[in-house]
Amino acid sequence: MSAFGVIKHLTDALVFGLDAAFAADPLTAAFSGMIFTDSPAEAGSGVNQKTGMSFWPYRVQRDEFQSDPSLVPIGPSLLGIPPLRVDVWYMVTPMTGSGDSDQLLLEKTLQYIYDVGPIALGEDTPIVTFETPGADELFRLWSALNIPYALSSVFTARHVSIDSLRSPQGSGRIVERYDRYVRIG
């Protein structure tokens, strides 16, 4: 199970690893320390014009493949509530003001996400994968941001666990069992 704040810890771990990858490459080293988790609309509007890359967690949804509501045994007479399993969606948008630099940052990000493997978060190991959203989803996303479309990519961190706040439930042991057979017919 995971501790509270797992989505922030996951985002921080991804940003830290990606920043290290930027720093290690001479082509992207100038952008080390310039990754932020604001949406592209917040980062590029008004007086808050940032240069670098937006690594924005924009959607959290229930993990449809690993949602199991059954209780988990945590002792001889206690059953715990299983964690909520979610997927966290990230949109990565380079914002350097240069098409060449934007392409380099996005390519380095793709390389990092492809190579990173599962991220260790306590007992959890979310898997980060590259996603290809449909044109309608991209249109809705950029329309909601109310800014022109920019070069971007989408990633998903799958199987992120959020612990329940409910107390464990007591359970009694089965001490006797009676078998009863009935003749049919």
Protein backbone atom coordinates (compact mmCIF):
# COMPACT_ATOMS: atom_id res chain seq x y z
CA MET A 1 0.00 0.00 0.00
CA SER A 2 1.07 3.58 -0.46
CA ALA A 3 1.21 6.62 1.76
CA PHE A 4 -0.85 9.76 1.31
CA GLY A 5 0.48 12.05 -1.43
CA VAL A 6 1.40 9.26 -3.84
CA ILE A 7 0.40 11.24 -6.95
CA LYS A 8 2.63 14.15 -5.94
CA HIS A 9 5.48 11.76 -5.09
CA LEU A 10 5.09 10.05 -8.46
CA THR A 11 5.09 13.37 -10.31
CA ASP A 12 8.14 14.56 -8.36
CA ALA A 13 10.01 11.31 -9.10
CA LEU A 14 9.26 11.60 -12.82
CA VAL A 15 10.25 15.27 -12.96
CA PHE A 16 13.46 14.61 -10.98
CA GLY A 17 14.45 11.70 -13.26
CA LEU A 18 13.62 13.64 -16.41
CA ASP A 19 15.57 16.65 -15.16
CA ALA A 20 18.60 14.39 -14.57
CA ALA A 21 18.22 13.08 -18.13
CA PHE A 22 18.13 16.66 -19.44
CA ALA A 23 21.25 17.57 -17.43
CA ALA A 24 23.19 14.52 -18.69
CA ASP A 25 22.67 15.35 -22.38
CA PRO A 26 24.62 18.30 -23.85
CA LEU A 27 21.75 19.08 -26.23
CA THR A 28 19.21 19.53 -23.41
CA ALA A 29 21.45 20.51 -20.47
CA ALA A 30 20.50 24.17 -20.83
CA PHE A 31 16.92 23.24 -19.87
CA SER A 32 17.84 21.35 -16.70
CA GLY A 33 15.87 22.76 -13.77
CA MET A 34 13.20 24.16 -16.09
CA ILE A 35 10.52 21.47 -15.77
CA PHE A 36 7.34 22.61 -14.03
CA THR A 37 4.01 20.94 -13.22
CA ASP A 38 1.72 23.82 -14.19
CA SER A 39 -0.64 23.43 -17.12
CA PRO A 40 0.58 24.94 -20.39
CA ALA A 41 -2.17 27.55 -20.10
CA GLU A 42 -1.02 28.71 -16.63
CA ALA A 43 2.65 28.65 -17.53
CA GLY A 44 2.33 30.66 -20.73
CA SER A 45 -0.25 33.27 -19.82
CA GLY A 46 0.11 36.85 -18.68
CA VAL A 47 3.05 37.62 -16.39
CA ASN A 48 3.61 33.91 -15.68
CA GLN A 49 5.42 33.11 -18.93
CA LYS A 50 7.77 30.26 -18.11
CA THR A 51 10.39 28.78 -20.39
CA GLY A 52 11.08 25.08 -20.21
CA MET A 53 8.65 22.20 -20.16
CA SER A 54 5.22 21.69 -18.66
CA PHE A 55 4.86 18.19 -17.12
CA TRP A 56 1.21 18.50 -16.17
CA PRO A 57 -0.90 15.79 -14.49
CA TYR A 58 -4.22 16.54 -16.15
CA ARG A 59 -6.41 13.51 -15.43
CA VAL A 60 -6.80 10.84 -12.77
CA GLN A 61 -9.14 7.94 -13.42
CA ARG A 62 -9.99 4.61 -11.82
CA ASP A 63 -7.76 1.75 -12.96
CA GLU A 64 -10.31 -0.43 -14.71
CA PHE A 65 -8.08 -3.52 -14.71
CA GLN A 66 -6.99 -3.59 -11.06
CA SER A 67 -9.94 -2.28 -9.09
CA ASP A 68 -10.76 -5.02 -6.59
CA PRO A 69 -13.26 -4.14 -3.85
CA SER A 70 -12.65 -7.32 -1.82
CA LEU A 71 -11.22 -6.93 1.68
CA VAL A 72 -7.55 -7.72 2.30
CA PRO A 73 -6.52 -9.87 5.30
CA ILE A 74 -4.09 -7.94 7.52
CA GLY A 75 -4.19 -10.18 10.57
CA PRO A 76 -5.90 -13.28 11.98
CA SER A 77 -9.09 -11.39 12.74
CA LEU A 78 -8.77 -8.13 10.74
CA LEU A 79 -9.68 -7.29 7.17
CA GLY A 80 -8.36 -4.08 5.59
CA ILE A 81 -9.94 -1.96 2.90
CA PRO A 82 -7.92 -2.31 -0.33
CA PRO A 83 -6.35 0.81 -1.85
CA LEU A 84 -8.04 2.74 -4.65
CA ARG A 85 -6.17 1.98 -7.88
CA VAL A 86 -5.93 4.87 -10.34
CA ASP A 87 -4.17 5.84 -13.55
CA VAL A 88 -2.58 9.30 -13.72
CA TRP A 89 -2.41 10.99 -17.13
CA TYR A 90 0.31 13.54 -17.88
CA MET A 91 0.60 15.99 -20.74
CA VAL A 92 4.13 17.09 -21.59
CA THR A 93 4.46 20.36 -23.50
CA PRO A 94 7.84 21.95 -24.31
CA MET A 95 7.63 25.75 -24.10
CA THR A 96 11.01 27.11 -25.19
CA GLY A 97 10.00 29.52 -27.93
CA SER A 98 12.11 27.54 -30.40
CA GLY A 99 10.74 24.72 -32.54
CA ASP A 100 14.12 22.96 -32.58
CA SER A 101 14.48 23.10 -28.78
CA ASP A 102 10.87 21.95 -28.31
CA GLN A 103 11.56 18.91 -30.48
CA LEU A 104 14.77 18.07 -28.57
CA LEU A 105 13.03 18.30 -25.19
CA LEU A 106 10.11 16.18 -26.34
CA GLU A 107 12.43 13.57 -27.86
CA LYS A 108 14.50 13.38 -24.65
CA THR A 109 11.25 13.01 -22.67
CA LEU A 110 10.08 10.18 -24.94
CA GLN A 111 13.47 8.48 -24.53
CA TYR A 112 13.34 8.83 -20.73
CA ILE A 113 9.76 7.52 -20.42
CA TYR A 114 10.55 4.61 -22.75
CA ASP A 115 13.61 3.61 -20.70
CA VAL A 116 12.46 4.38 -17.14
CA GLY A 117 10.49 1.20 -16.40
CA PRO A 118 8.38 0.89 -13.25
CA ILE A 119 8.74 3.72 -10.70
CA ALA A 120 9.32 2.53 -7.12
CA LEU A 121 6.88 4.24 -4.72
CA GLY A 122 6.94 2.33 -1.46
CA GLU A 123 5.33 -1.03 -2.21
CA ASP A 124 3.87 0.24 -5.50
CA THR A 125 5.59 0.26 -8.86
CA PRO A 126 3.49 2.28 -11.32
CA ILE A 127 4.32 1.73 -14.97
CA VAL A 128 4.62 4.81 -17.19
CA THR A 129 3.66 4.39 -20.84
CA PHE A 130 3.38 6.62 -23.89
CA GLU A 131 -0.23 7.13 -24.99
CA THR A 132 -1.79 8.24 -28.26
CA PRO A 133 -5.01 10.11 -27.48
CA GLY A 134 -7.56 10.50 -30.23
CA ALA A 135 -8.00 13.72 -32.17
CA ASP A 136 -11.28 14.44 -30.35
CA GLU A 137 -9.61 14.13 -26.93
CA LEU A 138 -6.74 16.41 -27.99
CA PHE A 139 -9.22 18.92 -29.38
CA ARG A 140 -11.24 18.93 -26.13
CA LEU A 141 -8.09 19.25 -24.02
CA TRP A 142 -6.58 22.15 -25.95
CA SER A 143 -10.00 23.86 -26.26
CA ALA A 144 -10.44 23.65 -22.47
CA LEU A 145 -7.00 25.21 -22.00
CA ASN A 146 -8.09 28.01 -24.32
CA ILE A 147 -4.66 28.32 -25.93
CA PRO A 148 -3.42 27.36 -29.41
CA TYR A 149 -2.30 23.78 -29.94
CA ALA A 150 1.39 23.20 -29.27
CA LEU A 151 3.74 20.26 -29.68
CA SER A 152 2.95 17.87 -26.83
CA SER A 153 2.79 14.26 -25.77
CA VAL A 154 0.66 12.24 -23.36
CA PHE A 155 1.81 9.63 -20.83
CA THR A 156 -0.03 7.43 -18.36
CA ALA A 157 1.21 6.13 -15.01
CA ARG A 158 -0.77 2.95 -14.42
CA HIS A 159 -1.58 1.12 -11.17
CA VAL A 160 -1.10 3.97 -8.67
CA SER A 161 -2.52 3.03 -5.24
CA ILE A 162 -4.20 5.48 -2.87
CA ASP A 163 -4.78 4.06 0.63
CA SER A 164 -8.22 4.06 2.21
CA LEU A 165 -8.82 6.07 5.39
CA ARG A 166 -11.39 3.57 6.68
CA SER A 167 -10.42 1.46 9.69
CA PRO A 168 -9.87 -2.29 9.31
CA GLN A 169 -12.91 -4.45 9.97
CA GLY A 170 -12.97 -7.30 12.46
CA SER A 171 -13.76 -10.79 11.29
CA GLY A 172 -14.42 -13.99 13.18
CA ARG A 173 -12.78 -17.31 12.44
CA ILE A 174 -14.76 -20.27 11.21
CA VAL A 175 -14.51 -22.83 13.99
CA GLU A 176 -17.14 -25.39 12.94
CA ARG A 177 -18.56 -26.55 9.68
CA TYR A 178 -21.61 -28.72 9.12
CA ASP A 179 -22.08 -30.67 5.93
CA ARG A 180 -25.61 -31.57 4.99
CA TYR A 181 -26.57 -33.63 2.02
CA VAL A 182 -30.08 -33.86 0.66
CA ARG A 183 -31.26 -36.57 -1.66
CA ILE A 184 -32.79 -35.23 -4.83
CA GLY A 185 -35.49 -37.16 -6.65
